[in-house]
Amino acid sequence: MTSSKDKIPPTPKQTFLAKTFHWINIISLFIMITSGLQIYNANPVFGGRGGWHFPPFLLLGGWLAGGRNWHFAAMWFFSLNLLWYGLYIFISRRWQRRFVASLDIKALQLSQNTKRKNYAWHRLVYTGIIPVLLLAIFSGLAMYKPAQLHWLSGLFGNWQTLRTVHFITVPIVVLFTVAHFLLGRKVGGIRLIQSMFT
């Protein structure tokens, strides 16, 4: 006879829309990062044309125009995916459980409950990535259509600053993805991670 302690907890359930959002996000991010590095290699942000280049196995597109085509195509999937997910969490009220609140800050400062603190960290990271994603999208749009969106590109001062800001958002998003994965695993274990993709 097994005790209640030996029982396997039920597998977490994820909605079809949440799973779809994560799959589209991962695929579009992979395409944007690898094609973005192809664009970067054509004229590195740091050091000019003689600056440090990324190795070919990290690149997508084959050349500058090919990288741009892949990058801008994936950009629309990524941006529209974020838009409909934002609407989804707003309509479903999931935002109440996703974003940081004053109780989370208090938990980080005072709570002795490790799981509660992990939840708070997760929501803090989840909230903090929003302005970074918006910055990545707006700076990308400013480079995509600098003449039509001159008012947007003008906010960044000059072209080099615009490129630098856009480039810096990439490692931040990658770090967020890693943190999101690790915190999700701490909170719900590997079963939570698997439930999002199966």
N, C-alpha and C. Protein backbone atom coordinates (compact mmCIF):
# COMPACT_ATOMS: atom_id res chain seq x y z
N MET A 1 0.85 -1.19 0.00
CA MET A 1 0.00 0.00 0.00
C MET A 1 0.88 1.24 0.00
N THR A 2 0.60 2.18 -0.90
CA THR A 2 1.42 3.38 -1.00
C THR A 2 0.84 4.48 -0.15
N SER A 3 1.71 5.25 0.47
CA SER A 3 1.26 6.38 1.28
C SER A 3 1.00 7.57 0.39
N SER A 4 0.36 8.59 0.97
CA SER A 4 0.06 9.80 0.20
C SER A 4 1.34 10.49 -0.25
N LYS A 5 2.45 10.29 0.51
CA LYS A 5 3.70 10.91 0.15
C LYS A 5 4.29 10.30 -1.12
N ASP A 6 3.93 9.03 -1.39
CA ASP A 6 4.49 8.33 -2.54
C ASP A 6 3.71 8.58 -3.83
N LYS A 7 2.55 9.21 -3.70
CA LYS A 7 1.73 9.44 -4.88
C LYS A 7 2.38 10.45 -5.81
N ILE A 8 2.31 10.17 -7.11
CA ILE A 8 2.86 11.08 -8.10
C ILE A 8 1.86 12.22 -8.31
N PRO A 9 2.32 13.46 -8.21
CA PRO A 9 1.39 14.58 -8.39
C PRO A 9 0.83 14.59 -9.81
N PRO A 10 -0.39 15.10 -9.98
CA PRO A 10 -0.98 15.12 -11.32
C PRO A 10 -0.17 15.98 -12.29
N THR A 11 -0.16 15.58 -13.55
CA THR A 11 0.56 16.34 -14.56
C THR A 11 -0.13 17.69 -14.78
N PRO A 12 0.63 18.78 -14.74
CA PRO A 12 0.02 20.09 -14.96
C PRO A 12 -0.66 20.16 -16.32
N LYS A 13 -1.76 20.88 -16.40
CA LYS A 13 -2.50 21.04 -17.65
C LYS A 13 -2.27 22.43 -18.21
N GLN A 14 -2.00 22.51 -19.49
CA GLN A 14 -1.81 23.79 -20.16
C GLN A 14 -2.83 23.91 -21.28
N THR A 15 -3.30 25.13 -21.49
CA THR A 15 -4.27 25.35 -22.56
C THR A 15 -3.59 25.23 -23.92
N PHE A 16 -4.38 24.92 -24.93
CA PHE A 16 -3.86 24.82 -26.29
C PHE A 16 -3.23 26.14 -26.72
N LEU A 17 -3.86 27.27 -26.36
CA LEU A 17 -3.33 28.58 -26.75
C LEU A 17 -1.99 28.86 -26.10
N ALA A 18 -1.83 28.48 -24.82
CA ALA A 18 -0.54 28.70 -24.14
C ALA A 18 0.56 27.87 -24.79
N LYS A 19 0.25 26.63 -25.15
CA LYS A 19 1.24 25.78 -25.81
C LYS A 19 1.62 26.35 -27.18
N THR A 20 0.61 26.78 -27.92
CA THR A 20 0.86 27.34 -29.25
C THR A 20 1.73 28.57 -29.16
N PHE A 21 1.44 29.43 -28.19
CA PHE A 21 2.24 30.64 -27.99
C PHE A 21 3.70 30.29 -27.75
N HIS A 22 3.98 29.33 -26.89
CA HIS A 22 5.35 28.97 -26.58
C HIS A 22 6.07 28.37 -27.78
N TRP A 23 5.39 27.52 -28.55
CA TRP A 23 6.02 26.92 -29.73
C TRP A 23 6.36 27.99 -30.77
N ILE A 24 5.41 28.88 -31.06
CA ILE A 24 5.66 29.94 -32.04
C ILE A 24 6.79 30.85 -31.57
N ASN A 25 6.79 31.15 -30.27
CA ASN A 25 7.83 32.01 -29.70
C ASN A 25 9.21 31.40 -29.88
N ILE A 26 9.35 30.13 -29.55
CA ILE A 26 10.66 29.48 -29.63
C ILE A 26 11.15 29.42 -31.07
N ILE A 27 10.27 29.01 -31.98
CA ILE A 27 10.68 28.88 -33.39
C ILE A 27 11.03 30.24 -33.99
N SER A 28 10.17 31.24 -33.75
CA SER A 28 10.42 32.57 -34.33
C SER A 28 11.65 33.22 -33.70
N LEU A 29 11.87 33.01 -32.40
CA LEU A 29 13.07 33.55 -31.76
C LEU A 29 14.33 32.92 -32.33
N PHE A 30 14.30 31.61 -32.54
CA PHE A 30 15.46 30.93 -33.11
C PHE A 30 15.78 31.50 -34.50
N ILE A 31 14.76 31.67 -35.31
CA ILE A 31 14.97 32.21 -36.66
C ILE A 31 15.47 33.64 -36.60
N MET A 32 14.90 34.45 -35.73
CA MET A 32 15.31 35.86 -35.64
C MET A 32 16.74 36.00 -35.13
N ILE A 33 17.11 35.19 -34.16
CA ILE A 33 18.47 35.30 -33.62
C ILE A 33 19.51 34.86 -34.65
N THR A 34 19.30 33.71 -35.28
CA THR A 34 20.29 33.22 -36.24
C THR A 34 20.36 34.09 -37.50
N SER A 35 19.21 34.57 -37.97
CA SER A 35 19.22 35.47 -39.14
C SER A 35 19.75 36.85 -38.74
N GLY A 36 19.48 37.27 -37.48
CA GLY A 36 20.01 38.54 -37.00
C GLY A 36 21.53 38.53 -36.93
N LEU A 37 22.10 37.39 -36.54
CA LEU A 37 23.55 37.28 -36.52
C LEU A 37 24.14 37.30 -37.93
N GLN A 38 23.36 36.80 -38.91
CA GLN A 38 23.79 36.89 -40.31
C GLN A 38 23.84 38.36 -40.74
N ILE A 39 22.84 39.13 -40.35
CA ILE A 39 22.81 40.57 -40.64
C ILE A 39 23.97 41.27 -39.93
N TYR A 40 24.18 40.90 -38.67
CA TYR A 40 25.26 41.50 -37.89
C TYR A 40 26.61 41.30 -38.57
N ASN A 41 26.86 40.11 -39.09
CA ASN A 41 28.16 39.81 -39.70
C ASN A 41 28.45 40.68 -40.91
N ALA A 42 27.39 41.16 -41.58
CA ALA A 42 27.60 42.00 -42.75
C ALA A 42 28.23 43.34 -42.36
N ASN A 43 27.91 43.80 -41.16
CA ASN A 43 28.49 45.05 -40.65
C ASN A 43 28.37 45.02 -39.13
N PRO A 44 29.34 44.42 -38.45
CA PRO A 44 29.24 44.25 -37.00
C PRO A 44 28.93 45.54 -36.25
N VAL A 45 28.08 45.43 -35.25
CA VAL A 45 27.70 46.59 -34.45
C VAL A 45 28.93 47.15 -33.73
N PHE A 46 29.80 46.25 -33.27
CA PHE A 46 30.97 46.67 -32.52
C PHE A 46 32.23 46.41 -33.34
N GLY A 47 32.96 47.46 -33.67
CA GLY A 47 34.24 47.31 -34.36
C GLY A 47 34.19 47.51 -35.85
N GLY A 48 33.03 47.90 -36.41
CA GLY A 48 32.93 48.11 -37.84
C GLY A 48 33.07 46.82 -38.62
N ARG A 49 33.36 46.93 -39.89
CA ARG A 49 33.41 45.73 -40.74
C ARG A 49 34.53 44.77 -40.33
N GLY A 50 35.52 45.29 -39.64
CA GLY A 50 36.60 44.43 -39.18
C GLY A 50 36.38 43.87 -37.79
N GLY A 51 35.20 44.10 -37.25
CA GLY A 51 34.90 43.64 -35.90
C GLY A 51 34.71 42.14 -35.81
N TRP A 52 34.41 41.68 -34.60
CA TRP A 52 34.27 40.25 -34.37
C TRP A 52 33.05 39.69 -35.08
N HIS A 53 33.20 38.56 -35.76
CA HIS A 53 32.13 37.91 -36.50
C HIS A 53 31.69 36.61 -35.81
N PHE A 54 30.43 36.26 -36.02
CA PHE A 54 29.91 34.99 -35.50
C PHE A 54 30.19 33.88 -36.49
N PRO A 55 30.46 32.66 -36.01
CA PRO A 55 30.79 31.54 -36.91
C PRO A 55 29.58 31.13 -37.75
N PRO A 56 29.83 30.55 -38.92
CA PRO A 56 28.76 30.21 -39.87
C PRO A 56 27.67 29.30 -39.31
N PHE A 57 28.01 28.39 -38.38
CA PHE A 57 27.00 27.44 -37.90
C PHE A 57 25.91 28.13 -37.05
N LEU A 58 26.14 29.39 -36.67
CA LEU A 58 25.14 30.14 -35.91
C LEU A 58 24.27 31.04 -36.80
N LEU A 59 24.52 31.00 -38.10
CA LEU A 59 23.88 31.94 -39.01
C LEU A 59 22.78 31.30 -39.84
N LEU A 60 21.82 32.13 -40.24
CA LEU A 60 20.74 31.69 -41.13
C LEU A 60 20.56 32.73 -42.22
N GLY A 61 20.50 32.29 -43.45
CA GLY A 61 20.24 33.21 -44.56
C GLY A 61 21.28 33.17 -45.65
N GLY A 62 22.52 32.79 -45.31
CA GLY A 62 23.56 32.65 -46.32
C GLY A 62 24.27 33.93 -46.69
N TRP A 63 23.56 35.05 -46.65
CA TRP A 63 24.15 36.34 -47.00
C TRP A 63 23.24 37.41 -46.40
N LEU A 64 23.60 38.70 -46.59
CA LEU A 64 22.87 39.79 -45.94
C LEU A 64 21.39 39.81 -46.31
N ALA A 65 21.08 39.79 -47.60
CA ALA A 65 19.68 39.86 -48.02
C ALA A 65 18.89 38.65 -47.54
N GLY A 66 19.51 37.48 -47.59
CA GLY A 66 18.84 36.27 -47.11
C GLY A 66 18.55 36.35 -45.62
N GLY A 67 19.53 36.85 -44.85
CA GLY A 67 19.32 37.02 -43.42
C GLY A 67 18.21 38.00 -43.12
N ARG A 68 18.16 39.10 -43.89
CA ARG A 68 17.11 40.10 -43.70
C ARG A 68 15.72 39.50 -44.00
N ASN A 69 15.63 38.73 -45.06
CA ASN A 69 14.34 38.13 -45.42
C ASN A 69 13.82 37.21 -44.32
N TRP A 70 14.69 36.36 -43.81
CA TRP A 70 14.30 35.46 -42.71
C TRP A 70 13.94 36.26 -41.46
N HIS A 71 14.75 37.27 -41.17
CA HIS A 71 14.57 38.06 -39.95
C HIS A 71 13.23 38.79 -39.95
N PHE A 72 12.94 39.45 -41.04
CA PHE A 72 11.70 40.25 -41.09
C PHE A 72 10.46 39.37 -41.18
N ALA A 73 10.59 38.21 -41.83
CA ALA A 73 9.45 37.28 -41.89
C ALA A 73 9.12 36.77 -40.48
N ALA A 74 10.17 36.35 -39.74
CA ALA A 74 9.95 35.83 -38.38
C ALA A 74 9.49 36.92 -37.43
N MET A 75 9.91 38.17 -37.71
CA MET A 75 9.53 39.28 -36.85
C MET A 75 8.01 39.42 -36.75
N TRP A 76 7.31 39.23 -37.88
CA TRP A 76 5.86 39.37 -37.87
C TRP A 76 5.19 38.26 -37.06
N PHE A 77 5.70 37.05 -37.20
CA PHE A 77 5.16 35.94 -36.39
C PHE A 77 5.37 36.22 -34.91
N PHE A 78 6.58 36.66 -34.56
CA PHE A 78 6.91 36.92 -33.16
C PHE A 78 6.06 38.05 -32.59
N SER A 79 5.97 39.16 -33.32
CA SER A 79 5.24 40.33 -32.82
C SER A 79 3.74 40.06 -32.71
N LEU A 80 3.16 39.46 -33.74
CA LEU A 80 1.73 39.17 -33.70
C LEU A 80 1.41 38.11 -32.65
N ASN A 81 2.35 37.18 -32.46
CA ASN A 81 2.18 36.16 -31.43
C ASN A 81 2.13 36.80 -30.04
N LEU A 82 3.03 37.76 -29.79
CA LEU A 82 3.01 38.47 -28.51
C LEU A 82 1.72 39.26 -28.34
N LEU A 83 1.24 39.85 -29.44
CA LEU A 83 0.01 40.64 -29.37
C LEU A 83 -1.17 39.77 -28.98
N TRP A 84 -1.35 38.62 -29.68
CA TRP A 84 -2.53 37.82 -29.37
C TRP A 84 -2.40 37.14 -28.01
N TYR A 85 -1.16 36.85 -27.58
CA TYR A 85 -1.00 36.29 -26.24
C TYR A 85 -1.32 37.34 -25.17
N GLY A 86 -0.92 38.58 -25.44
CA GLY A 86 -1.27 39.66 -24.52
C GLY A 86 -2.77 39.81 -24.38
N LEU A 87 -3.48 39.73 -25.50
CA LEU A 87 -4.94 39.80 -25.46
C LEU A 87 -5.52 38.60 -24.72
N TYR A 88 -4.91 37.45 -24.94
CA TYR A 88 -5.39 36.22 -24.31
C TYR A 88 -5.27 36.29 -22.79
N ILE A 89 -4.10 36.71 -22.28
CA ILE A 89 -3.93 36.76 -20.83
C ILE A 89 -4.76 37.89 -20.21
N PHE A 90 -5.06 38.92 -21.02
CA PHE A 90 -5.90 40.00 -20.50
C PHE A 90 -7.35 39.54 -20.39
N ILE A 91 -7.85 38.92 -21.44
CA ILE A 91 -9.24 38.46 -21.45
C ILE A 91 -9.46 37.34 -20.44
N SER A 92 -8.50 36.42 -20.35
CA SER A 92 -8.64 35.29 -19.43
C SER A 92 -8.24 35.64 -17.99
N ARG A 93 -7.75 36.85 -17.79
CA ARG A 93 -7.30 37.34 -16.47
C ARG A 93 -6.08 36.58 -15.95
N ARG A 94 -5.38 35.91 -16.84
CA ARG A 94 -4.17 35.21 -16.41
C ARG A 94 -3.09 36.19 -15.95
N TRP A 95 -3.20 37.46 -16.35
CA TRP A 95 -2.21 38.46 -15.96
C TRP A 95 -2.14 38.60 -14.43
N GLN A 96 -3.24 38.28 -13.76
CA GLN A 96 -3.25 38.39 -12.30
C GLN A 96 -2.29 37.39 -11.65
N ARG A 97 -1.98 36.31 -12.36
CA ARG A 97 -1.06 35.30 -11.83
C ARG A 97 0.31 35.33 -12.50
N ARG A 98 0.45 36.17 -13.54
CA ARG A 98 1.69 36.17 -14.31
C ARG A 98 2.64 37.32 -13.95
N PHE A 99 2.09 38.45 -13.55
CA PHE A 99 2.92 39.63 -13.37
C PHE A 99 3.12 39.97 -11.91
N VAL A 100 4.24 40.63 -11.64
CA VAL A 100 4.65 40.91 -10.26
C VAL A 100 3.67 41.87 -9.58
N ALA A 101 3.45 41.65 -8.28
CA ALA A 101 2.60 42.51 -7.46
C ALA A 101 3.35 42.84 -6.18
N SER A 102 2.79 43.74 -5.39
CA SER A 102 3.45 44.17 -4.16
C SER A 102 3.70 43.01 -3.20
N LEU A 103 2.79 42.02 -3.22
CA LEU A 103 2.97 40.85 -2.34
C LEU A 103 4.20 40.04 -2.73
N ASP A 104 4.53 40.04 -4.03
CA ASP A 104 5.72 39.32 -4.48
C ASP A 104 6.99 40.00 -3.98
N ILE A 105 7.01 41.32 -4.03
CA ILE A 105 8.17 42.06 -3.52
C ILE A 105 8.34 41.80 -2.03
N LYS A 106 7.22 41.78 -1.33
CA LYS A 106 7.26 41.52 0.12
C LYS A 106 7.76 40.10 0.39
N ALA A 107 7.33 39.16 -0.44
CA ALA A 107 7.76 37.77 -0.27
C ALA A 107 9.27 37.63 -0.48
N LEU A 108 9.81 38.34 -1.47
CA LEU A 108 11.25 38.28 -1.73
C LEU A 108 12.05 38.85 -0.56
N GLN A 109 11.47 39.81 0.14
CA GLN A 109 12.16 40.45 1.25
C GLN A 109 12.03 39.69 2.56
N LEU A 110 10.84 39.09 2.78
CA LEU A 110 10.54 38.56 4.11
C LEU A 110 10.25 37.06 4.18
N SER A 111 9.75 36.50 3.10
CA SER A 111 9.28 35.12 3.16
C SER A 111 10.42 34.12 3.37
N GLN A 112 10.14 33.09 4.16
CA GLN A 112 11.08 31.99 4.38
C GLN A 112 10.69 30.78 3.54
N ASN A 113 9.59 30.92 2.80
CA ASN A 113 9.07 29.83 1.96
C ASN A 113 9.78 29.88 0.60
N THR A 114 10.62 28.89 0.36
CA THR A 114 11.42 28.88 -0.88
C THR A 114 10.54 28.84 -2.12
N LYS A 115 9.48 28.04 -2.09
CA LYS A 115 8.60 27.93 -3.25
C LYS A 115 7.90 29.26 -3.52
N ARG A 116 7.47 29.93 -2.45
CA ARG A 116 6.81 31.22 -2.61
C ARG A 116 7.77 32.24 -3.21
N LYS A 117 9.03 32.22 -2.78
CA LYS A 117 10.02 33.15 -3.32
C LYS A 117 10.31 32.84 -4.79
N ASN A 118 10.32 31.56 -5.15
CA ASN A 118 10.53 31.19 -6.56
C ASN A 118 9.40 31.71 -7.44
N TYR A 119 8.16 31.60 -6.94
CA TYR A 119 7.02 32.16 -7.67
C TYR A 119 7.20 33.67 -7.86
N ALA A 120 7.63 34.34 -6.79
CA ALA A 120 7.81 35.79 -6.86
C ALA A 120 8.89 36.17 -7.87
N TRP A 121 10.02 35.43 -7.85
CA TRP A 121 11.09 35.68 -8.82
C TRP A 121 10.60 35.45 -10.24
N HIS A 122 9.81 34.40 -10.42
CA HIS A 122 9.29 34.09 -11.74
C HIS A 122 8.43 35.23 -12.27
N ARG A 123 7.55 35.74 -11.42
CA ARG A 123 6.69 36.85 -11.86
C ARG A 123 7.47 38.13 -12.08
N LEU A 124 8.51 38.33 -11.29
CA LEU A 124 9.35 39.52 -11.47
C LEU A 124 10.08 39.47 -12.81
N VAL A 125 10.65 38.31 -13.13
CA VAL A 125 11.35 38.14 -14.41
C VAL A 125 10.37 38.26 -15.56
N TYR A 126 9.19 37.66 -15.41
CA TYR A 126 8.15 37.68 -16.45
C TYR A 126 7.71 39.11 -16.74
N THR A 127 7.61 39.93 -15.69
CA THR A 127 7.20 41.32 -15.86
C THR A 127 8.33 42.16 -16.46
N GLY A 128 9.56 41.91 -16.00
CA GLY A 128 10.69 42.70 -16.45
C GLY A 128 11.03 42.54 -17.92
N ILE A 129 10.64 41.42 -18.53
CA ILE A 129 10.99 41.20 -19.93
C ILE A 129 10.09 41.99 -20.87
N ILE A 130 8.94 42.45 -20.40
CA ILE A 130 7.99 43.15 -21.28
C ILE A 130 8.61 44.40 -21.91
N PRO A 131 9.19 45.34 -21.13
CA PRO A 131 9.79 46.51 -21.78
C PRO A 131 10.95 46.15 -22.71
N VAL A 132 11.67 45.07 -22.40
CA VAL A 132 12.78 44.66 -23.28
C VAL A 132 12.24 44.18 -24.62
N LEU A 133 11.16 43.39 -24.60
CA LEU A 133 10.54 42.91 -25.84
C LEU A 133 10.00 44.07 -26.66
N LEU A 134 9.37 45.02 -26.00
CA LEU A 134 8.85 46.20 -26.71
C LEU A 134 9.99 47.00 -27.33
N LEU A 135 11.09 47.13 -26.59
CA LEU A 135 12.26 47.84 -27.11
C LEU A 135 12.84 47.12 -28.32
N ALA A 136 12.89 45.79 -28.26
CA ALA A 136 13.40 45.01 -29.39
C ALA A 136 12.53 45.20 -30.62
N ILE A 137 11.20 45.19 -30.43
CA ILE A 137 10.27 45.33 -31.55
C ILE A 137 10.34 46.73 -32.14
N PHE A 138 10.31 47.74 -31.29
CA PHE A 138 10.30 49.12 -31.79
C PHE A 138 11.62 49.50 -32.44
N SER A 139 12.74 49.07 -31.85
CA SER A 139 14.03 49.36 -32.47
C SER A 139 14.18 48.60 -33.79
N GLY A 140 13.64 47.38 -33.83
CA GLY A 140 13.66 46.61 -35.08
C GLY A 140 12.83 47.26 -36.17
N LEU A 141 11.64 47.74 -35.81
CA LEU A 141 10.79 48.43 -36.77
C LEU A 141 11.46 49.71 -37.27
N ALA A 142 12.15 50.41 -36.37
CA ALA A 142 12.84 51.65 -36.75
C ALA A 142 13.94 51.39 -37.78
N MET A 143 14.61 50.23 -37.68
CA MET A 143 15.62 49.87 -38.66
C MET A 143 15.00 49.31 -39.94
N TYR A 144 13.84 48.67 -39.80
CA TYR A 144 13.16 48.06 -40.93
C TYR A 144 12.64 49.12 -41.89
N LYS A 145 12.05 50.19 -41.33
CA LYS A 145 11.48 51.27 -42.14
C LYS A 145 11.95 52.63 -41.60
N PRO A 146 13.25 52.94 -41.73
CA PRO A 146 13.76 54.17 -41.12
C PRO A 146 13.19 55.45 -41.75
N ALA A 147 12.83 55.41 -43.04
CA ALA A 147 12.27 56.60 -43.68
C ALA A 147 10.81 56.80 -43.28
N GLN A 148 10.03 55.72 -43.37
CA GLN A 148 8.61 55.82 -43.03
C GLN A 148 8.40 56.05 -41.54
N LEU A 149 9.27 55.47 -40.71
CA LEU A 149 9.14 55.60 -39.25
C LEU A 149 10.27 56.47 -38.70
N HIS A 150 10.55 57.58 -39.38
CA HIS A 150 11.66 58.45 -38.98
C HIS A 150 11.46 59.02 -37.58
N TRP A 151 10.20 59.22 -37.19
CA TRP A 151 9.92 59.71 -35.83
C TRP A 151 10.32 58.69 -34.77
N LEU A 152 10.23 57.40 -35.13
CA LEU A 152 10.60 56.34 -34.20
C LEU A 152 12.11 56.18 -34.15
N SER A 153 12.75 56.13 -35.32
CA SER A 153 14.21 55.98 -35.35
C SER A 153 14.89 57.20 -34.74
N GLY A 154 14.25 58.37 -34.87
CA GLY A 154 14.81 59.59 -34.29
C GLY A 154 14.89 59.56 -32.78
N LEU A 155 14.04 58.76 -32.16
CA LEU A 155 14.05 58.67 -30.69
C LEU A 155 15.34 58.06 -30.16
N PHE A 156 16.04 57.31 -31.01
CA PHE A 156 17.26 56.63 -30.59
C PHE A 156 18.52 57.48 -30.84
N GLY A 157 18.34 58.64 -31.42
CA GLY A 157 19.46 59.55 -31.63
C GLY A 157 20.16 59.36 -32.95
N ASN A 158 20.84 58.24 -33.14
CA ASN A 158 21.53 57.97 -34.40
C ASN A 158 21.48 56.48 -34.71
N TRP A 159 21.94 56.15 -35.91
CA TRP A 159 21.82 54.77 -36.40
C TRP A 159 22.62 53.78 -35.57
N GLN A 160 23.83 54.18 -35.14
CA GLN A 160 24.67 53.28 -34.35
C GLN A 160 24.02 52.98 -32.99
N THR A 161 23.46 53.98 -32.37
CA THR A 161 22.77 53.77 -31.09
C THR A 161 21.58 52.85 -31.28
N LEU A 162 20.84 53.06 -32.36
CA LEU A 162 19.68 52.21 -32.67
C LEU A 162 20.10 50.76 -32.83
N ARG A 163 21.16 50.51 -33.60
CA ARG A 163 21.64 49.15 -33.81
C ARG A 163 22.15 48.53 -32.51
N THR A 164 22.85 49.33 -31.70
CA THR A 164 23.38 48.82 -30.44
C THR A 164 22.26 48.42 -29.49
N VAL A 165 21.24 49.28 -29.37
CA VAL A 165 20.10 48.98 -28.50
C VAL A 165 19.42 47.70 -28.94
N HIS A 166 19.18 47.58 -30.25
CA HIS A 166 18.51 46.39 -30.77
C HIS A 166 19.34 45.14 -30.51
N PHE A 167 20.65 45.25 -30.71
CA PHE A 167 21.52 44.09 -30.51
C PHE A 167 21.54 43.67 -29.04
N ILE A 168 21.59 44.63 -28.12
CA ILE A 168 21.68 44.32 -26.69
C ILE A 168 20.43 43.61 -26.18
N THR A 169 19.29 43.84 -26.83
CA THR A 169 18.07 43.16 -26.38
C THR A 169 18.16 41.64 -26.58
N VAL A 170 19.00 41.21 -27.52
CA VAL A 170 19.09 39.78 -27.84
C VAL A 170 19.61 38.95 -26.66
N PRO A 171 20.80 39.27 -26.11
CA PRO A 171 21.25 38.46 -24.96
C PRO A 171 20.32 38.55 -23.76
N ILE A 172 19.62 39.69 -23.60
CA ILE A 172 18.67 39.82 -22.49
C ILE A 172 17.52 38.84 -22.67
N VAL A 173 17.01 38.73 -23.89
CA VAL A 173 15.92 37.79 -24.17
C VAL A 173 16.39 36.35 -23.98
N VAL A 174 17.62 36.05 -24.40
CA VAL A 174 18.16 34.71 -24.21
C VAL A 174 18.29 34.39 -22.72
N LEU A 175 18.79 35.35 -21.93
CA LEU A 175 18.91 35.15 -20.49
C LEU A 175 17.54 34.97 -19.84
N PHE A 176 16.55 35.74 -20.33
CA PHE A 176 15.19 35.59 -19.82
C PHE A 176 14.68 34.17 -20.08
N THR A 177 14.92 33.67 -21.29
CA THR A 177 14.46 32.32 -21.65
C THR A 177 15.06 31.27 -20.72
N VAL A 178 16.35 31.40 -20.43
CA VAL A 178 17.01 30.47 -19.52
C VAL A 178 16.43 30.59 -18.12
N ALA A 179 16.28 31.83 -17.63
CA ALA A 179 15.73 32.06 -16.29
C ALA A 179 14.30 31.55 -16.19
N HIS A 180 13.51 31.80 -17.23
CA HIS A 180 12.12 31.35 -17.28
C HIS A 180 12.05 29.83 -17.18
N PHE A 181 12.93 29.15 -17.89
CA PHE A 181 12.99 27.69 -17.85
C PHE A 181 13.39 27.19 -16.46
N LEU A 182 14.46 27.75 -15.90
CA LEU A 182 14.97 27.28 -14.62
C LEU A 182 14.00 27.56 -13.48
N LEU A 183 13.38 28.73 -13.49
CA LEU A 183 12.42 29.06 -12.44
C LEU A 183 11.16 28.21 -12.57
N GLY A 184 10.74 27.96 -13.83
CA GLY A 184 9.58 27.09 -14.05
C GLY A 184 9.86 25.69 -13.54
N ARG A 185 11.08 25.23 -13.75
CA ARG A 185 11.44 23.89 -13.27
C ARG A 185 11.50 23.86 -11.74
N LYS A 186 11.98 24.93 -11.13
CA LYS A 186 12.02 24.98 -9.67
C LYS A 186 10.62 24.96 -9.07
N VAL A 187 9.72 25.68 -9.72
CA VAL A 187 8.36 25.80 -9.19
C VAL A 187 7.56 24.53 -9.42
N GLY A 188 7.62 24.00 -10.65
CA GLY A 188 6.76 22.86 -10.99
C GLY A 188 7.47 21.60 -11.43
N GLY A 189 8.81 21.62 -11.43
CA GLY A 189 9.55 20.43 -11.83
C GLY A 189 9.54 20.25 -13.34
N ILE A 190 10.20 19.20 -13.80
CA ILE A 190 10.30 18.94 -15.23
C ILE A 190 8.95 18.64 -15.84
N ARG A 191 8.00 18.14 -15.03
CA ARG A 191 6.66 17.83 -15.53
C ARG A 191 5.95 19.09 -16.00
N LEU A 192 6.21 20.21 -15.31
CA LEU A 192 5.61 21.49 -15.73
C LEU A 192 6.16 21.91 -17.09
N ILE A 193 7.48 21.77 -17.27
CA ILE A 193 8.10 22.13 -18.54
C ILE A 193 7.56 21.24 -19.67
N GLN A 194 7.48 19.96 -19.41
CA GLN A 194 6.99 19.02 -20.44
C GLN A 194 5.55 19.32 -20.81
N SER A 195 4.75 19.73 -19.83
CA SER A 195 3.32 19.97 -20.10
C SER A 195 3.12 21.14 -21.06
N MET A 196 4.10 22.02 -21.16
CA MET A 196 3.96 23.18 -22.04
C MET A 196 4.21 22.83 -23.50
N PHE A 197 4.82 21.67 -23.75
CA PHE A 197 5.19 21.34 -25.12
C PHE A 197 4.63 20.00 -25.61
N THR A 198 3.91 19.27 -24.73
CA THR A 198 3.39 17.98 -25.15
C THR A 198 1.87 17.93 -24.99
